[in-house]
Each structure stands twice: as C-alpha cells, then as structure tokens.
Amino acid sequence: MRSLNLKFIFILLMLLSPFYLFIVYETDRALIEYLGKLEIDKKTAMPKVYTPGLHFKIPGVQIVRTFDLRFKVLDSQCYRITTKEKKDVLVDFYVLWQIKDLPLYYTRTGGHRSKAEQLLKQKIISDLKAEFGRHTVQEVVYGERLELMFKLREEIESNTRSIGISVIDVRIKRIDLPDEVRDSVYNRMRAERERVASEIRATGRAEALKLQAYADKEKRIILADAFKDAKRIRGEGDSLVTKIYADAYSLDPDFYDFYRTLDAYKNSFCSKTDLLVITPDGDFFKYFKKNNIVQ
C-alpha cells in the first residue's frame, strides 16, 4: 500500500512538473516575471537571468520568459535615401544581430522580436541617412563603400546598445538609382571619365613633346660632335698626307714630279672620248718629249 502511494505521488509530481519546473536550453536564456516585474537576483540586485538547465518556479505567480540568444537576421525592404548631392538612391540591407543585455532588451521591447527589429530598423535607417548625406552617389556606389560600411556598423552598434542589442554585421545588398536619377548620374559620371581621359591624353602629349624636344636636342649635339670629329680627323689625315708627300718630294724631287705627272695622265684620260686642247710644247707632255713619244 505504501509503495502504491509513493508511485501515485511520483506520477502526480511528474504530471504537475510543468507547473513548477522549467527547462532553459543551451541556446536560450530566461527571465521570470513576478507580479509584472522581473525577478531580482539578491546577490547582484539586478534582474536574474536563468542559464541553461532545470529551474523551479512558483506556479500561477511567476511567468517564465524564454529568449533565443542565437544570431538573428533582419532583412529590410528597399528604402529611398538622399545623398550629399540631393540625389535619391534605393537601398536595401540586412543586419545580423543578437540579444546582448537580456533584461534591458525585455524592458525596451517587451520581449517582442518584431518590436526589437522595428526599433533596430529605425536606428539603421537614421544612421544610413546621416552617412549617405555625407557622400556623393559615386562614392556610395563605386568609391568608399567598404569604409562607409565600417563607419555605419560602428554607429549602429553604438546606437543599439540602449535597447540591449549587439549588431554583429551590417551589409548593403543593393544600391540602385531611381529612373529619374539614373540618366543624369550616368551622364555626369561619363563626363567625369572623359575629363580624366582628356587630362591623361594632354599630359601624355606634353610628355611626348618634351621627350621629342630632348631627343632632337641630343641628336643635334651628337651630329655636331660627329661632324666636328670628322672634320678634325679629315684635317689630320690631310696634314699627314701632305707631310708624306713633302717627305717623299724632299727625298727625290724628280721622281716625285714624274709620279705626279703620271697620276695627272691617269685622271685626265678616263674614257676614249676625252679631248685635251693644249699646245704641243706645253709642260703637260714633257716626259713624252724626252722619250720622243710626242713629235
């Protein structure tokens, strides 16, 4: 009979356990609400956060609020944001966030994820407008996007601490231009690229002219030096030839005169049609006269 009573009591306790026991799983944390207020930890005088495990509660009086602390993703719709140039861009983004301060999160949001994401979205859009308002369309689309994301994440992280949320990452999925803005932006970007290209071409032409002028100058200097050296070498050669002739003439004047006369004959009678009009008794044929060749 006693054993039967114990079994009955055990079964009754098991059936009633959901009313006085609760389990906190590994990925969760829990708060207990008591008469509309969070239970206070007597040691820290702060709201008590229940860690993973099995815990007791007072049935009907204490209400357990369990929260998932894993990373959550907020995926936004497309928003119209104005840049520094007063041009609108269409931006959609996503945020990776996590509950950091559970009591504060519960106090500010009532524990509702939808309200938390609404507050988070408002802060992100406000920070996006402020950050985009300091940049041009070209900068946010093509230029300083990584730096902009870094600054934006820091600002959002700072602004969301007040609701007990930690922002892990913020990413802009797409930045698009409205139809009424796209053409004007593309035309301005095209004009900017053409201006840069014209400056590069002008710089290249100026550099080419500078190099051409330098090359022409070097060419003139090299040719002048070459002509100068050639003239000097030619003069030295002529002087050497004259000296050789003078030395040869001084050794045998008669032979030298004879050799020069033969050389004149060779240069004068280059073809069969050459004709010389001279007097027979001239000095040109003096050596022929001595040998009775010319009568």
C-alpha atoms as a PDB file:
ATOM      1  CA  MET A   1       0.000   0.000   0.000  1.00  0.00           C
ATOM      2  CA  ARG A   2       2.808   2.383   0.871  1.00  0.00           C
ATOM      3  CA  SER A   3       4.609   1.565  -2.378  1.00  0.00           C
ATOM      4  CA  LEU A   4       1.440   2.283  -4.291  1.00  0.00           C
ATOM      5  CA  ASN A   5       1.108   5.658  -2.621  1.00  0.00           C
ATOM      6  CA  LEU A   6       4.679   6.566  -3.486  1.00  0.00           C
ATOM      7  CA  LYS A   7       4.112   5.659  -7.104  1.00  0.00           C
ATOM      8  CA  PHE A   8       0.953   7.728  -7.162  1.00  0.00           C
ATOM      9  CA  ILE A   9       2.756  10.708  -5.649  1.00  0.00           C
ATOM     10  CA  PHE A  10       5.615  10.338  -8.153  1.00  0.00           C
ATOM     11  CA  ILE A  11       3.232  10.199 -11.097  1.00  0.00           C
ATOM     12  CA  LEU A  12       1.340  13.200  -9.758  1.00  0.00           C
ATOM     13  CA  LEU A  13       4.549  15.171  -9.379  1.00  0.00           C
ATOM     14  CA  MET A  14       5.571  14.286 -12.931  1.00  0.00           C
ATOM     15  CA  LEU A  15       2.226  15.409 -14.252  1.00  0.00           C
ATOM     16  CA  LEU A  16       2.407  18.661 -12.322  1.00  0.00           C
ATOM     17  CA  SER A  17       6.117  19.329 -13.074  1.00  0.00           C
ATOM     18  CA  PRO A  18       5.415  21.717 -15.987  1.00  0.00           C
ATOM     19  CA  PHE A  19       3.701  23.967 -13.481  1.00  0.00           C
ATOM     20  CA  TYR A  20       6.662  24.301 -11.076  1.00  0.00           C
ATOM     21  CA  LEU A  21       9.665  23.311 -13.262  1.00  0.00           C
ATOM     22  CA  PHE A  22      11.018  24.818 -16.463  1.00  0.00           C
ATOM     23  CA  ILE A  23      13.965  23.982 -18.724  1.00  0.00           C
ATOM     24  CA  VAL A  24      16.332  26.507 -20.277  1.00  0.00           C
ATOM     25  CA  TYR A  25      18.051  25.052 -23.337  1.00  0.00           C
ATOM     26  CA  GLU A  26      21.642  25.640 -24.398  1.00  0.00           C
ATOM     27  CA  THR A  27      20.836  28.384 -26.923  1.00  0.00           C
ATOM     28  CA  ASP A  28      18.374  30.173 -24.638  1.00  0.00           C
ATOM     29  CA  ARG A  29      18.269  32.371 -21.569  1.00  0.00           C
ATOM     30  CA  ALA A  30      15.234  33.065 -19.383  1.00  0.00           C
ATOM     31  CA  LEU A  31      13.724  35.730 -17.154  1.00  0.00           C
ATOM     32  CA  ILE A  32      10.990  35.329 -14.559  1.00  0.00           C
ATOM     33  CA  GLU A  33       8.279  37.949 -14.326  1.00  0.00           C
ATOM     34  CA  TYR A  34       6.747  38.224 -10.868  1.00  0.00           C
ATOM     35  CA  LEU A  35       3.668  40.391 -10.383  1.00  0.00           C
ATOM     36  CA  GLY A  36       4.505  42.430 -13.502  1.00  0.00           C
ATOM     37  CA  LYS A  37       8.165  42.928 -12.578  1.00  0.00           C
ATOM     38  CA  LEU A  38      11.332  40.995 -13.322  1.00  0.00           C
ATOM     39  CA  GLU A  39      12.701  38.808 -10.572  1.00  0.00           C
ATOM     40  CA  ILE A  40      15.728  40.420  -8.912  1.00  0.00           C
ATOM     41  CA  ASP A  41      18.872  38.494  -8.058  1.00  0.00           C
ATOM     42  CA  LYS A  42      19.556  39.186  -4.373  1.00  0.00           C
ATOM     43  CA  LYS A  43      23.328  38.926  -4.873  1.00  0.00           C
ATOM     44  CA  THR A  44      23.628  41.444  -7.697  1.00  0.00           C
ATOM     45  CA  ALA A  45      20.431  43.479  -7.169  1.00  0.00           C
ATOM     46  CA  MET A  46      19.899  43.118 -10.932  1.00  0.00           C
ATOM     47  CA  PRO A  47      17.246  41.186 -12.855  1.00  0.00           C
ATOM     48  CA  LYS A  48      18.074  37.487 -12.641  1.00  0.00           C
ATOM     49  CA  VAL A  49      18.951  35.748 -15.908  1.00  0.00           C
ATOM     50  CA  TYR A  50      18.458  31.979 -15.907  1.00  0.00           C
ATOM     51  CA  THR A  51      21.170  29.984 -17.667  1.00  0.00           C
ATOM     52  CA  PRO A  52      20.723  26.558 -19.350  1.00  0.00           C
ATOM     53  CA  GLY A  53      19.427  23.882 -17.004  1.00  0.00           C
ATOM     54  CA  LEU A  54      16.405  22.852 -14.922  1.00  0.00           C
ATOM     55  CA  HIS A  55      14.880  25.516 -12.679  1.00  0.00           C
ATOM     56  CA  PHE A  56      11.961  25.920 -10.265  1.00  0.00           C
ATOM     57  CA  LYS A  57       9.150  28.461 -10.386  1.00  0.00           C
ATOM     58  CA  ILE A  58       6.058  29.280  -8.344  1.00  0.00           C
ATOM     59  CA  PRO A  59       3.035  28.129 -10.344  1.00  0.00           C
ATOM     60  CA  GLY A  60       0.454  30.751 -11.162  1.00  0.00           C
ATOM     61  CA  VAL A  61       2.580  33.604  -9.803  1.00  0.00           C
ATOM     62  CA  GLN A  62       5.851  33.545 -11.703  1.00  0.00           C
ATOM     63  CA  ILE A  63       5.816  33.720 -15.524  1.00  0.00           C
ATOM     64  CA  VAL A  64       8.876  32.421 -17.420  1.00  0.00           C
ATOM     65  CA  ARG A  65      10.063  34.450 -20.421  1.00  0.00           C
ATOM     66  CA  THR A  66      12.482  32.468 -22.600  1.00  0.00           C
ATOM     67  CA  PHE A  67      14.622  34.087 -25.321  1.00  0.00           C
ATOM     68  CA  ASP A  68      16.777  32.652 -28.086  1.00  0.00           C
ATOM     69  CA  LEU A  69      20.267  34.231 -27.986  1.00  0.00           C
ATOM     70  CA  ARG A  70      21.405  32.933 -31.368  1.00  0.00           C
ATOM     71  CA  PHE A  71      22.207  35.321 -34.215  1.00  0.00           C
ATOM     72  CA  LYS A  72      19.184  36.760 -35.971  1.00  0.00           C
ATOM     73  CA  VAL A  73      18.896  38.281 -39.432  1.00  0.00           C
ATOM     74  CA  LEU A  74      16.871  41.387 -40.205  1.00  0.00           C
ATOM     75  CA  ASP A  75      16.257  41.607 -43.959  1.00  0.00           C
ATOM     76  CA  SER A  76      14.946  45.010 -44.993  1.00  0.00           C
ATOM     77  CA  GLN A  77      12.865  46.230 -47.872  1.00  0.00           C
ATOM     78  CA  CYS A  78      14.081  48.903 -50.280  1.00  0.00           C
ATOM     79  CA  TYR A  79      14.354  52.448 -48.869  1.00  0.00           C
ATOM     80  CA  ARG A  80      14.854  55.759 -50.645  1.00  0.00           C
ATOM     81  CA  ILE A  81      17.783  57.696 -49.143  1.00  0.00           C
ATOM     82  CA  THR A  82      19.177  61.096 -50.190  1.00  0.00           C
ATOM     83  CA  THR A  83      22.893  61.638 -50.804  1.00  0.00           C
ATOM     84  CA  LYS A  84      25.077  64.711 -50.389  1.00  0.00           C
ATOM     85  CA  GLU A  85      24.119  65.892 -53.901  1.00  0.00           C
ATOM     86  CA  LYS A  86      20.399  65.731 -53.028  1.00  0.00           C
ATOM     87  CA  LYS A  87      20.091  62.693 -55.287  1.00  0.00           C
ATOM     88  CA  ASP A  88      17.926  59.773 -54.181  1.00  0.00           C
ATOM     89  CA  VAL A  89      19.212  56.197 -54.171  1.00  0.00           C
ATOM     90  CA  LEU A  90      17.335  52.985 -53.441  1.00  0.00           C
ATOM     91  CA  VAL A  91      18.992  50.935 -50.702  1.00  0.00           C
ATOM     92  CA  ASP A  92      18.172  47.562 -49.228  1.00  0.00           C
ATOM     93  CA  PHE A  93      20.228  45.930 -46.497  1.00  0.00           C
ATOM     94  CA  TYR A  94      20.389  43.153 -43.964  1.00  0.00           C
ATOM     95  CA  VAL A  95      21.567  43.164 -40.342  1.00  0.00           C
ATOM     96  CA  LEU A  96      22.983  40.339 -38.256  1.00  0.00           C
ATOM     97  CA  TRP A  97      22.097  40.983 -34.614  1.00  0.00           C
ATOM     98  CA  GLN A  98      21.958  39.285 -31.223  1.00  0.00           C
ATOM     99  CA  ILE A  99      20.434  39.929 -27.800  1.00  0.00           C
ATOM    100  CA  LYS A 100      23.270  41.222 -25.637  1.00  0.00           C
ATOM    101  CA  ASP A 101      21.619  42.576 -22.469  1.00  0.00           C
ATOM    102  CA  LEU A 102      18.543  40.433 -21.884  1.00  0.00           C
ATOM    103  CA  PRO A 103      16.897  42.457 -19.051  1.00  0.00           C
ATOM    104  CA  LEU A 104      17.375  45.715 -20.966  1.00  0.00           C
ATOM    105  CA  TYR A 105      16.121  44.098 -24.169  1.00  0.00           C
ATOM    106  CA  TYR A 106      12.994  42.862 -22.374  1.00  0.00           C
ATOM    107  CA  THR A 107      12.371  46.240 -20.732  1.00  0.00           C
ATOM    108  CA  ARG A 108      12.672  48.205 -24.010  1.00  0.00           C
ATOM    109  CA  THR A 109      10.881  45.786 -26.326  1.00  0.00           C
ATOM    110  CA  GLY A 110       8.605  43.819 -24.041  1.00  0.00           C
ATOM    111  CA  GLY A 111      10.369  40.720 -25.312  1.00  0.00           C
ATOM    112  CA  HIS A 112       8.820  41.026 -28.767  1.00  0.00           C
ATOM    113  CA  ARG A 113      11.208  40.404 -31.654  1.00  0.00           C
ATOM    114  CA  SER A 114       9.037  42.379 -34.080  1.00  0.00           C
ATOM    115  CA  LYS A 115       9.261  45.474 -31.890  1.00  0.00           C
ATOM    116  CA  ALA A 116      13.008  44.982 -31.443  1.00  0.00           C
ATOM    117  CA  GLU A 117      13.511  44.765 -35.211  1.00  0.00           C
ATOM    118  CA  GLN A 118      11.292  47.799 -35.738  1.00  0.00           C
ATOM    119  CA  LEU A 119      13.450  49.849 -33.343  1.00  0.00           C
ATOM    120  CA  LEU A 120      16.605  48.427 -34.908  1.00  0.00           C
ATOM    121  CA  LYS A 121      15.378  49.280 -38.396  1.00  0.00           C
ATOM    122  CA  GLN A 122      14.554  52.854 -37.373  1.00  0.00           C
ATOM    123  CA  LYS A 123      18.039  53.384 -35.959  1.00  0.00           C
ATOM    124  CA  ILE A 124      19.716  51.844 -39.022  1.00  0.00           C
ATOM    125  CA  ILE A 125      17.718  53.966 -41.466  1.00  0.00           C
ATOM    126  CA  SER A 126      18.523  57.074 -39.428  1.00  0.00           C
ATOM    127  CA  ASP A 127      22.245  56.226 -39.486  1.00  0.00           C
ATOM    128  CA  LEU A 128      22.098  55.379 -43.204  1.00  0.00           C
ATOM    129  CA  LYS A 129      20.546  58.754 -43.992  1.00  0.00           C
ATOM    130  CA  ALA A 130      23.175  60.553 -41.929  1.00  0.00           C
ATOM    131  CA  GLU A 131      26.067  58.626 -43.513  1.00  0.00           C
ATOM    132  CA  PHE A 132      24.783  58.817 -47.096  1.00  0.00           C
ATOM    133  CA  GLY A 133      24.158  62.530 -46.596  1.00  0.00           C
ATOM    134  CA  ARG A 134      27.929  62.987 -46.269  1.00  0.00           C
ATOM    135  CA  HIS A 135      28.763  61.194 -49.535  1.00  0.00           C
ATOM    136  CA  THR A 136      28.045  61.539 -53.245  1.00  0.00           C
ATOM    137  CA  VAL A 137      26.304  58.928 -55.381  1.00  0.00           C
ATOM    138  CA  GLN A 138      29.584  57.897 -56.959  1.00  0.00           C
ATOM    139  CA  GLU A 139      31.208  57.414 -53.555  1.00  0.00           C
ATOM    140  CA  VAL A 140      28.446  55.224 -52.133  1.00  0.00           C
ATOM    141  CA  VAL A 141      28.050  53.167 -55.321  1.00  0.00           C
ATOM    142  CA  TYR A 142      31.621  52.775 -56.578  1.00  0.00           C
ATOM    143  CA  GLY A 143      34.066  54.513 -54.276  1.00  0.00           C
ATOM    144  CA  GLU A 144      34.199  54.375 -50.494  1.00  0.00           C
ATOM    145  CA  ARG A 145      31.642  51.625 -49.939  1.00  0.00           C
ATOM    146  CA  LEU A 146      33.742  49.436 -47.630  1.00  0.00           C
ATOM    147  CA  GLU A 147      34.759  52.405 -45.485  1.00  0.00           C
ATOM    148  CA  LEU A 148      31.138  53.546 -45.377  1.00  0.00           C
ATOM    149  CA  MET A 149      30.002  50.103 -44.179  1.00  0.00           C
ATOM    150  CA  PHE A 150      32.639  50.092 -41.448  1.00  0.00           C
ATOM    151  CA  LYS A 151      31.572  53.509 -40.127  1.00  0.00           C
ATOM    152  CA  LEU A 152      27.911  52.577 -40.386  1.00  0.00           C
ATOM    153  CA  ARG A 153      28.375  49.385 -38.359  1.00  0.00           C
ATOM    154  CA  GLU A 154      30.194  51.306 -35.612  1.00  0.00           C
ATOM    155  CA  GLU A 155      27.451  53.939 -35.404  1.00  0.00           C
ATOM    156  CA  ILE A 156      24.644  51.366 -35.378  1.00  0.00           C
ATOM    157  CA  GLU A 157      26.422  49.263 -32.747  1.00  0.00           C
ATOM    158  CA  SER A 158      26.720  52.345 -30.549  1.00  0.00           C
ATOM    159  CA  ASN A 159      23.086  53.379 -31.051  1.00  0.00           C
ATOM    160  CA  THR A 160      21.551  49.939 -30.434  1.00  0.00           C
ATOM    161  CA  ARG A 161      23.189  49.315 -27.065  1.00  0.00           C
ATOM    162  CA  SER A 162      20.346  51.267 -25.483  1.00  0.00           C
ATOM    163  CA  ILE A 163      17.881  48.500 -26.397  1.00  0.00           C
ATOM    164  CA  GLY A 164      20.109  45.606 -25.312  1.00  0.00           C
ATOM    165  CA  ILE A 165      21.060  44.544 -28.850  1.00  0.00           C
ATOM    166  CA  SER A 166      24.504  43.877 -30.315  1.00  0.00           C
ATOM    167  CA  VAL A 167      24.856  44.400 -34.077  1.00  0.00           C
ATOM    168  CA  ILE A 168      27.256  41.804 -35.466  1.00  0.00           C
ATOM    169  CA  ASP A 169      27.271  42.987 -39.070  1.00  0.00           C
ATOM    170  CA  VAL A 170      25.520  45.360 -41.453  1.00  0.00           C
ATOM    171  CA  ARG A 171      25.610  44.795 -45.197  1.00  0.00           C
ATOM    172  CA  ILE A 172      24.068  46.736 -48.043  1.00  0.00           C
ATOM    173  CA  LYS A 173      22.730  44.200 -50.508  1.00  0.00           C
ATOM    174  CA  ARG A 174      21.955  46.602 -53.317  1.00  0.00           C
ATOM    175  CA  ILE A 175      22.198  50.283 -54.143  1.00  0.00           C
ATOM    176  CA  ASP A 176      20.156  51.301 -57.147  1.00  0.00           C
ATOM    177  CA  LEU A 177      19.228  54.573 -58.772  1.00  0.00           C
ATOM    178  CA  PRO A 178      15.658  55.684 -59.444  1.00  0.00           C
ATOM    179  CA  ASP A 179      14.800  56.068 -63.113  1.00  0.00           C
ATOM    180  CA  GLU A 180      14.654  59.853 -62.862  1.00  0.00           C
ATOM    181  CA  VAL A 181      18.162  59.975 -61.369  1.00  0.00           C
ATOM    182  CA  ARG A 182      19.948  57.200 -63.275  1.00  0.00           C
ATOM    183  CA  ASP A 183      20.431  59.020 -66.596  1.00  0.00           C
ATOM    184  CA  SER A 184      21.725  62.240 -65.055  1.00  0.00           C
ATOM    185  CA  VAL A 185      24.136  60.344 -62.791  1.00  0.00           C
ATOM    186  CA  TYR A 186      25.451  58.180 -65.635  1.00  0.00           C
ATOM    187  CA  ASN A 187      25.917  61.228 -67.870  1.00  0.00           C
ATOM    188  CA  ARG A 188      27.808  63.045 -65.141  1.00  0.00           C
ATOM    189  CA  MET A 189      29.978  60.009 -64.463  1.00  0.00           C
ATOM    190  CA  ARG A 190      30.652  59.642 -68.196  1.00  0.00           C
ATOM    191  CA  ALA A 191      31.613  63.317 -68.425  1.00  0.00           C
ATOM    192  CA  GLU A 192      33.920  62.910 -65.424  1.00  0.00           C
ATOM    193  CA  ARG A 193      35.612  59.898 -67.019  1.00  0.00           C
ATOM    194  CA  GLU A 194      36.018  61.778 -70.304  1.00  0.00           C
ATOM    195  CA  ARG A 195      37.526  64.724 -68.453  1.00  0.00           C
ATOM    196  CA  VAL A 196      40.022  62.450 -66.696  1.00  0.00           C
ATOM    197  CA  ALA A 197      40.838  60.742 -70.006  1.00  0.00           C
ATOM    198  CA  SER A 198      41.396  64.129 -71.683  1.00  0.00           C
ATOM    199  CA  GLU A 199      43.723  65.195 -68.880  1.00  0.00           C
ATOM    200  CA  ILE A 200      45.686  61.954 -69.220  1.00  0.00           C
ATOM    201  CA  ARG A 201      45.942  62.371 -73.006  1.00  0.00           C
ATOM    202  CA  ALA A 202      47.019  66.011 -72.644  1.00  0.00           C
ATOM    203  CA  THR A 203      49.648  65.024 -70.101  1.00  0.00           C
ATOM    204  CA  GLY A 204      50.843  62.277 -72.446  1.00  0.00           C
ATOM    205  CA  ARG A 205      51.094  64.682 -75.385  1.00  0.00           C
ATOM    206  CA  ALA A 206      53.023  67.202 -73.305  1.00  0.00           C
ATOM    207  CA  GLU A 207      55.378  64.474 -72.123  1.00  0.00           C
ATOM    208  CA  ALA A 208      55.792  63.243 -75.720  1.00  0.00           C
ATOM    209  CA  LEU A 209      56.668  66.750 -76.928  1.00  0.00           C
ATOM    210  CA  LYS A 210      59.138  67.124 -74.092  1.00  0.00           C
ATOM    211  CA  LEU A 211      60.795  63.811 -74.948  1.00  0.00           C
ATOM    212  CA  GLN A 212      60.817  64.688 -78.668  1.00  0.00           C
ATOM    213  CA  ALA A 213      62.462  68.054 -77.965  1.00  0.00           C
ATOM    214  CA  TYR A 214      65.054  66.378 -75.763  1.00  0.00           C
ATOM    215  CA  ALA A 215      65.725  63.735 -78.434  1.00  0.00           C
ATOM    216  CA  ASP A 216      66.100  66.404 -81.149  1.00  0.00           C
ATOM    217  CA  LYS A 217      68.492  68.348 -78.953  1.00  0.00           C
ATOM    218  CA  GLU A 218      70.571  65.239 -78.271  1.00  0.00           C
ATOM    219  CA  LYS A 219      70.523  64.420 -81.990  1.00  0.00           C
ATOM    220  CA  ARG A 220      71.847  67.879 -82.914  1.00  0.00           C
ATOM    221  CA  ILE A 221      74.553  67.651 -80.267  1.00  0.00           C
ATOM    222  CA  ILE A 222      75.619  64.172 -81.405  1.00  0.00           C
ATOM    223  CA  LEU A 223      75.675  65.184 -85.094  1.00  0.00           C
ATOM    224  CA  ALA A 224      77.585  68.380 -84.331  1.00  0.00           C
ATOM    225  CA  ASP A 225      80.147  66.431 -82.316  1.00  0.00           C
ATOM    226  CA  ALA A 226      80.378  63.838 -85.102  1.00  0.00           C
ATOM    227  CA  PHE A 227      80.904  66.491 -87.802  1.00  0.00           C
ATOM    228  CA  LYS A 228      83.432  68.211 -85.602  1.00  0.00           C
ATOM    229  CA  ASP A 229      85.328  64.958 -85.036  1.00  0.00           C
ATOM    230  CA  ALA A 230      85.095  64.061 -88.750  1.00  0.00           C
ATOM    231  CA  LYS A 231      86.439  67.454 -89.771  1.00  0.00           C
ATOM    232  CA  ARG A 232      89.232  67.157 -87.251  1.00  0.00           C
ATOM    233  CA  ILE A 233      90.134  63.646 -88.401  1.00  0.00           C
ATOM    234  CA  ARG A 234      89.956  64.698 -92.063  1.00  0.00           C
ATOM    235  CA  GLY A 235      92.217  67.656 -91.345  1.00  0.00           C
ATOM    236  CA  GLU A 236      94.652  65.430 -89.510  1.00  0.00           C
ATOM    237  CA  GLY A 237      94.585  62.993 -92.454  1.00  0.00           C
ATOM    238  CA  ASP A 238      95.178  65.765 -94.992  1.00  0.00           C
ATOM    239  CA  SER A 239      98.028  67.073 -92.886  1.00  0.00           C
ATOM    240  CA  LEU A 240      99.525  63.591 -92.705  1.00  0.00           C
ATOM    241  CA  VAL A 241      99.170  63.093 -96.487  1.00  0.00           C
ATOM    242  CA  THR A 242     100.741  66.469 -97.154  1.00  0.00           C
ATOM    243  CA  LYS A 243     103.596  65.602 -94.824  1.00  0.00           C
ATOM    244  CA  ILE A 244     104.107  62.240 -96.531  1.00  0.00           C
ATOM    245  CA  TYR A 245     104.122  63.904 -99.941  1.00  0.00           C
ATOM    246  CA  ALA A 246     106.502  66.597 -98.699  1.00  0.00           C
ATOM    247  CA  ASP A 247     108.832  63.986 -97.217  1.00  0.00           C
ATOM    248  CA  ALA A 248     108.759  61.962-100.445  1.00  0.00           C
ATOM    249  CA  TYR A 249     109.376  65.056-102.551  1.00  0.00           C
ATOM    250  CA  SER A 250     112.316  66.090-100.438  1.00  0.00           C
ATOM    251  CA  LEU A 251     113.918  62.642-100.927  1.00  0.00           C
ATOM    252  CA  ASP A 252     113.670  62.638-104.783  1.00  0.00           C
ATOM    253  CA  PRO A 253     112.105  65.719-106.360  1.00  0.00           C
ATOM    254  CA  ASP A 254     112.446  64.424-109.929  1.00  0.00           C
ATOM    255  CA  PHE A 255     110.733  61.124-109.218  1.00  0.00           C
ATOM    256  CA  TYR A 256     108.043  62.902-107.268  1.00  0.00           C
ATOM    257  CA  ASP A 257     107.379  65.226-110.234  1.00  0.00           C
ATOM    258  CA  PHE A 258     107.291  62.258-112.584  1.00  0.00           C
ATOM    259  CA  TYR A 259     104.862  60.346-110.342  1.00  0.00           C
ATOM    260  CA  ARG A 260     102.535  63.313-110.039  1.00  0.00           C
ATOM    261  CA  THR A 261     102.550  63.776-113.828  1.00  0.00           C
ATOM    262  CA  LEU A 262     101.617  60.117-114.386  1.00  0.00           C
ATOM    263  CA  ASP A 263      98.830  60.497-111.873  1.00  0.00           C
ATOM    264  CA  ALA A 264      97.558  63.520-113.817  1.00  0.00           C
ATOM    265  CA  TYR A 265      97.606  61.444-117.041  1.00  0.00           C
ATOM    266  CA  LYS A 266      95.520  58.726-115.377  1.00  0.00           C
ATOM    267  CA  ASN A 267      92.936  61.200-114.097  1.00  0.00           C
ATOM    268  CA  SER A 268      92.759  63.107-117.402  1.00  0.00           C
ATOM    269  CA  PHE A 269      92.230  60.202-119.827  1.00  0.00           C
ATOM    270  CA  CYS A 270      89.290  58.416-118.197  1.00  0.00           C
ATOM    271  CA  SER A 271      87.483  57.462-121.469  1.00  0.00           C
ATOM    272  CA  LYS A 272      88.170  57.160-125.171  1.00  0.00           C
ATOM    273  CA  THR A 273      86.181  60.297-125.942  1.00  0.00           C
ATOM    274  CA  ASP A 274      88.266  62.598-123.735  1.00  0.00           C
ATOM    275  CA  LEU A 275      89.771  65.520-125.639  1.00  0.00           C
ATOM    276  CA  LEU A 276      92.510  67.876-124.449  1.00  0.00           C
ATOM    277  CA  VAL A 277      93.275  71.131-126.226  1.00  0.00           C
ATOM    278  CA  ILE A 278      96.872  72.062-125.337  1.00  0.00           C
ATOM    279  CA  THR A 279      99.947  73.346-127.101  1.00  0.00           C
ATOM    280  CA  PRO A 280     102.434  70.656-128.142  1.00  0.00           C
ATOM    281  CA  ASP A 281     105.281  72.338-126.361  1.00  0.00           C
ATOM    282  CA  GLY A 282     103.441  72.584-123.024  1.00  0.00           C
ATOM    283  CA  ASP A 283     104.778  71.064-119.798  1.00  0.00           C
ATOM    284  CA  PHE A 284     101.948  68.517-119.597  1.00  0.00           C
ATOM    285  CA  PHE A 285     103.701  66.136-122.073  1.00  0.00           C
ATOM    286  CA  LYS A 286     107.244  66.999-121.128  1.00  0.00           C
ATOM    287  CA  TYR A 287     108.160  63.415-120.240  1.00  0.00           C
ATOM    288  CA  PHE A 288     106.858  62.165-123.606  1.00  0.00           C
ATOM    289  CA  LYS A 289     109.018  64.690-125.377  1.00  0.00           C
ATOM    290  CA  LYS A 290     112.135  63.464-123.663  1.00  0.00           C
ATOM    291  CA  ASN A 291     111.411  59.923-124.847  1.00  0.00           C
ATOM    292  CA  ASN A 292     110.431  61.119-128.405  1.00  0.00           C
ATOM    293  CA  ILE A 293     106.893  59.814-127.977  1.00  0.00           C
ATOM    294  CA  VAL A 294     105.280  63.104-128.980  1.00  0.00           C
ATOM    295  CA  GLN A 295     106.655  64.660-132.170  1.00  0.00           C
END
